[in-house]
Amino acid sequence: MTIRRFVLCLLLLTLALPCSARKIKTVAGTHANFASYKTYQWLAVKTLGKAGIVEDDPAVTPVIKDAVNREMAALGLTEVKENADLQVAAFASTTSVPQLEAVIFPGHMDLDFATPIATMGRYNKEGTLAINLIDTRTKQSAWAGLATDSIDNKPGSGAKKIPGATAALFSKYPTRKK
């Protein structure tokens, strides 16, 4: 009986984890006229990694652009170099980055030397993809989406999840009336 309950709990846990891993949030601008948008152009893609923020990272930027271009083409939008209806701003954090949580100093000792007795940290193991479509006429966001997903320490782990996260974001894109 106990083994059956254990197996049932494991089964339920394996079903629940994939459902809760990716979080998607989108918002559409109240002024946006999605039927009028026909073209788009790219702004520099920014990526946060272990070295800080990098513009047009050679490993991640092509993955983001390919995924977004595919979704934009499916919406009937065409990429142009200038004078577009929309500008695409994208940001991604795709690596597991160490994060300092606390520095503990002794409370009863003289702090002339300022030597901490302990530091506490963790790895931020959550990748983020943000896409903002900016209306070039109003200079306001027409639509924005944010996807977060868990990643591991393996190189390229975050970049592998970008196409799926992009598709999930654009599944929430407002439909156009024809």
Protein backbone atom coordinates (compact mmCIF):
# COMPACT_ATOMS: atom_id res chain seq x y z
CA MET A 1 0.00 0.00 0.00
CA THR A 2 2.79 2.43 0.90
CA ILE A 3 4.66 1.63 -2.33
CA ARG A 4 1.53 2.38 -4.38
CA ARG A 5 1.13 5.76 -2.71
CA PHE A 6 4.78 6.54 -3.29
CA VAL A 7 4.56 5.63 -6.98
CA LEU A 8 1.35 7.64 -7.34
CA CYS A 9 3.00 10.69 -5.73
CA LEU A 10 6.02 10.38 -8.05
CA LEU A 11 3.72 10.14 -11.07
CA LEU A 12 1.75 13.21 -10.02
CA LEU A 13 4.97 15.12 -9.34
CA THR A 14 6.38 14.35 -12.79
CA LEU A 15 3.15 15.56 -14.37
CA ALA A 16 3.02 18.75 -12.30
CA LEU A 17 6.62 19.93 -12.76
CA PRO A 18 6.58 20.51 -16.54
CA CYS A 19 3.32 22.43 -16.28
CA SER A 20 4.65 24.90 -13.74
CA ALA A 21 8.18 25.42 -15.10
CA ARG A 22 7.54 28.11 -17.75
CA LYS A 23 5.75 31.34 -16.85
CA ILE A 24 4.32 33.58 -19.56
CA LYS A 25 3.09 37.15 -19.14
CA THR A 26 1.93 39.44 -21.95
CA VAL A 27 0.31 42.85 -22.18
CA ALA A 28 -1.12 44.77 -25.13
CA GLY A 29 -1.12 48.55 -25.32
CA THR A 30 -4.57 50.12 -25.21
CA HIS A 31 -3.67 52.44 -28.11
CA ALA A 32 -2.36 49.64 -30.38
CA ASN A 33 -4.07 49.05 -33.71
CA PHE A 34 -2.81 45.57 -34.59
CA ALA A 35 -4.56 45.54 -37.97
CA SER A 36 -2.45 48.50 -39.13
CA TYR A 37 0.94 46.92 -38.43
CA LYS A 38 2.57 45.49 -41.55
CA THR A 39 6.34 45.87 -41.03
CA TYR A 40 8.91 45.63 -38.25
CA GLN A 41 12.59 46.31 -37.66
CA TRP A 42 15.05 45.07 -35.06
CA LEU A 43 16.72 47.06 -32.31
CA ALA A 44 19.91 45.64 -30.74
CA VAL A 45 19.20 42.43 -28.82
CA LYS A 46 20.57 42.57 -25.27
CA THR A 47 21.70 39.44 -23.41
CA LEU A 48 22.66 39.11 -19.74
CA GLY A 49 25.30 36.49 -19.08
CA LYS A 50 28.20 35.92 -16.73
CA ALA A 51 30.13 38.80 -18.34
CA GLY A 52 27.26 41.28 -17.93
CA ILE A 53 24.94 42.75 -20.56
CA VAL A 54 26.07 42.23 -24.15
CA GLU A 55 24.47 43.69 -27.28
CA ASP A 56 23.95 41.32 -30.21
CA ASP A 57 25.64 38.31 -28.59
CA PRO A 58 26.83 36.07 -31.46
CA ALA A 59 25.53 32.89 -29.83
CA VAL A 60 22.12 34.00 -28.55
CA THR A 61 21.00 36.82 -30.85
CA PRO A 62 20.58 34.65 -33.97
CA VAL A 63 18.46 32.18 -31.99
CA ILE A 64 16.18 34.96 -30.73
CA LYS A 65 15.91 36.64 -34.13
CA ASP A 66 15.13 33.36 -35.92
CA ALA A 67 12.41 32.47 -33.42
CA VAL A 68 10.82 35.95 -33.43
CA ASN A 69 11.09 36.32 -37.22
CA ARG A 70 9.24 33.01 -37.63
CA GLU A 71 6.43 34.19 -35.34
CA MET A 72 6.22 37.63 -36.96
CA ALA A 73 6.02 36.07 -40.45
CA ALA A 74 3.19 33.84 -39.22
CA LEU A 75 1.36 37.03 -38.17
CA GLY A 76 1.82 38.46 -41.67
CA LEU A 77 4.47 41.02 -40.69
CA THR A 78 7.52 41.74 -42.88
CA GLU A 79 10.99 42.70 -41.66
CA VAL A 80 12.43 45.94 -43.08
CA LYS A 81 15.64 47.85 -42.31
CA GLU A 82 14.00 51.25 -41.62
CA ASN A 83 10.68 53.11 -41.41
CA ALA A 84 8.85 50.13 -39.91
CA ASP A 85 5.49 50.17 -38.13
CA LEU A 86 6.98 48.29 -35.16
CA GLN A 87 10.40 48.07 -33.56
CA VAL A 88 11.38 44.81 -31.87
CA ALA A 89 13.33 45.12 -28.64
CA ALA A 90 14.46 41.83 -27.09
CA PHE A 91 16.30 40.88 -23.92
CA ALA A 92 17.39 37.48 -22.63
CA SER A 93 19.19 36.09 -19.62
CA THR A 94 20.28 32.62 -20.57
CA THR A 95 22.87 31.49 -18.04
CA SER A 96 22.81 30.38 -14.46
CA VAL A 97 24.37 33.36 -12.67
CA PRO A 98 25.65 33.42 -9.07
CA GLN A 99 23.82 35.86 -6.84
CA LEU A 100 24.96 37.17 -3.44
CA GLU A 101 22.12 36.99 -0.93
CA ALA A 102 23.68 38.07 2.37
CA VAL A 103 26.91 38.95 4.15
CA ILE A 104 26.93 38.18 7.85
CA PHE A 105 29.12 40.21 10.21
CA PRO A 106 29.64 39.28 13.85
CA GLY A 107 27.44 41.42 16.09
CA HIS A 108 29.58 41.37 19.20
CA MET A 109 33.02 42.03 17.73
CA ASP A 110 34.86 45.22 16.82
CA LEU A 111 34.32 45.80 13.07
CA ASP A 112 37.53 47.76 12.44
CA PHE A 113 38.71 45.04 10.09
CA ALA A 114 35.22 44.53 8.61
CA THR A 115 35.75 40.81 8.15
CA PRO A 116 32.54 38.93 7.50
CA ILE A 117 32.16 35.55 9.13
CA ALA A 118 29.92 34.17 6.38
CA THR A 119 28.43 34.95 3.01
CA MET A 120 25.33 33.34 1.60
CA GLY A 121 24.49 33.06 -2.05
CA ARG A 122 22.68 31.04 -4.63
CA TYR A 123 22.59 30.51 -8.36
CA ASN A 124 19.81 32.26 -10.24
CA LYS A 125 18.66 29.33 -12.38
CA GLU A 126 15.87 31.08 -14.19
CA GLY A 127 16.23 32.24 -17.77
CA THR A 128 14.17 35.17 -19.03
CA LEU A 129 13.11 36.23 -22.51
CA ALA A 130 11.48 39.64 -22.94
CA ILE A 131 10.08 40.90 -26.24
CA ASN A 132 8.69 44.39 -26.68
CA LEU A 133 7.01 45.54 -29.88
CA ILE A 134 7.12 49.34 -30.00
CA ASP A 135 4.75 51.36 -32.17
CA THR A 136 7.05 53.76 -34.07
CA ARG A 137 4.32 56.39 -34.54
CA THR A 138 3.39 56.71 -30.86
CA LYS A 139 6.75 55.60 -29.38
CA GLN A 140 4.79 53.39 -26.96
CA SER A 141 4.74 49.67 -26.42
CA ALA A 142 2.09 48.02 -28.60
CA TRP A 143 2.64 44.56 -27.13
CA ALA A 144 5.14 43.05 -24.71
CA GLY A 145 5.77 39.55 -23.47
CA LEU A 146 7.92 38.03 -20.74
CA ALA A 147 8.75 34.33 -20.49
CA THR A 148 10.70 32.80 -17.59
CA ASP A 149 11.84 29.22 -17.46
CA SER A 150 14.23 27.16 -15.38
CA ILE A 151 17.70 26.51 -16.78
CA ASP A 152 20.68 24.49 -15.62
CA ASN A 153 24.43 25.14 -15.52
CA LYS A 154 25.16 23.45 -18.86
CA PRO A 155 26.42 25.83 -21.57
CA GLY A 156 23.67 26.68 -24.04
CA SER A 157 20.87 25.42 -21.79
CA GLY A 158 19.05 28.76 -21.86
CA ALA A 159 19.46 29.31 -25.60
CA LYS A 160 17.87 25.93 -26.33
CA LYS A 161 14.65 27.05 -24.65
CA ILE A 162 14.28 30.32 -26.61
CA PRO A 163 12.30 28.95 -29.61
CA GLY A 164 9.73 27.29 -27.36
CA ALA A 165 9.45 30.34 -25.11
CA THR A 166 9.02 32.60 -28.16
CA ALA A 167 6.23 30.41 -29.55
CA ALA A 168 4.53 30.41 -26.14
CA LEU A 169 4.74 34.22 -25.96
CA PHE A 170 3.32 34.79 -29.43
CA SER A 171 0.49 32.35 -28.78
CA LYS A 172 -0.85 35.18 -26.57
CA TYR A 173 -0.47 37.85 -29.29
CA PRO A 174 -3.77 39.65 -30.01
CA THR A 175 -5.37 38.41 -33.22
CA ARG A 176 -6.04 40.81 -36.05
CA LYS A 177 -9.51 41.31 -37.47
CA LYS A 178 -9.62 40.85 -41.21
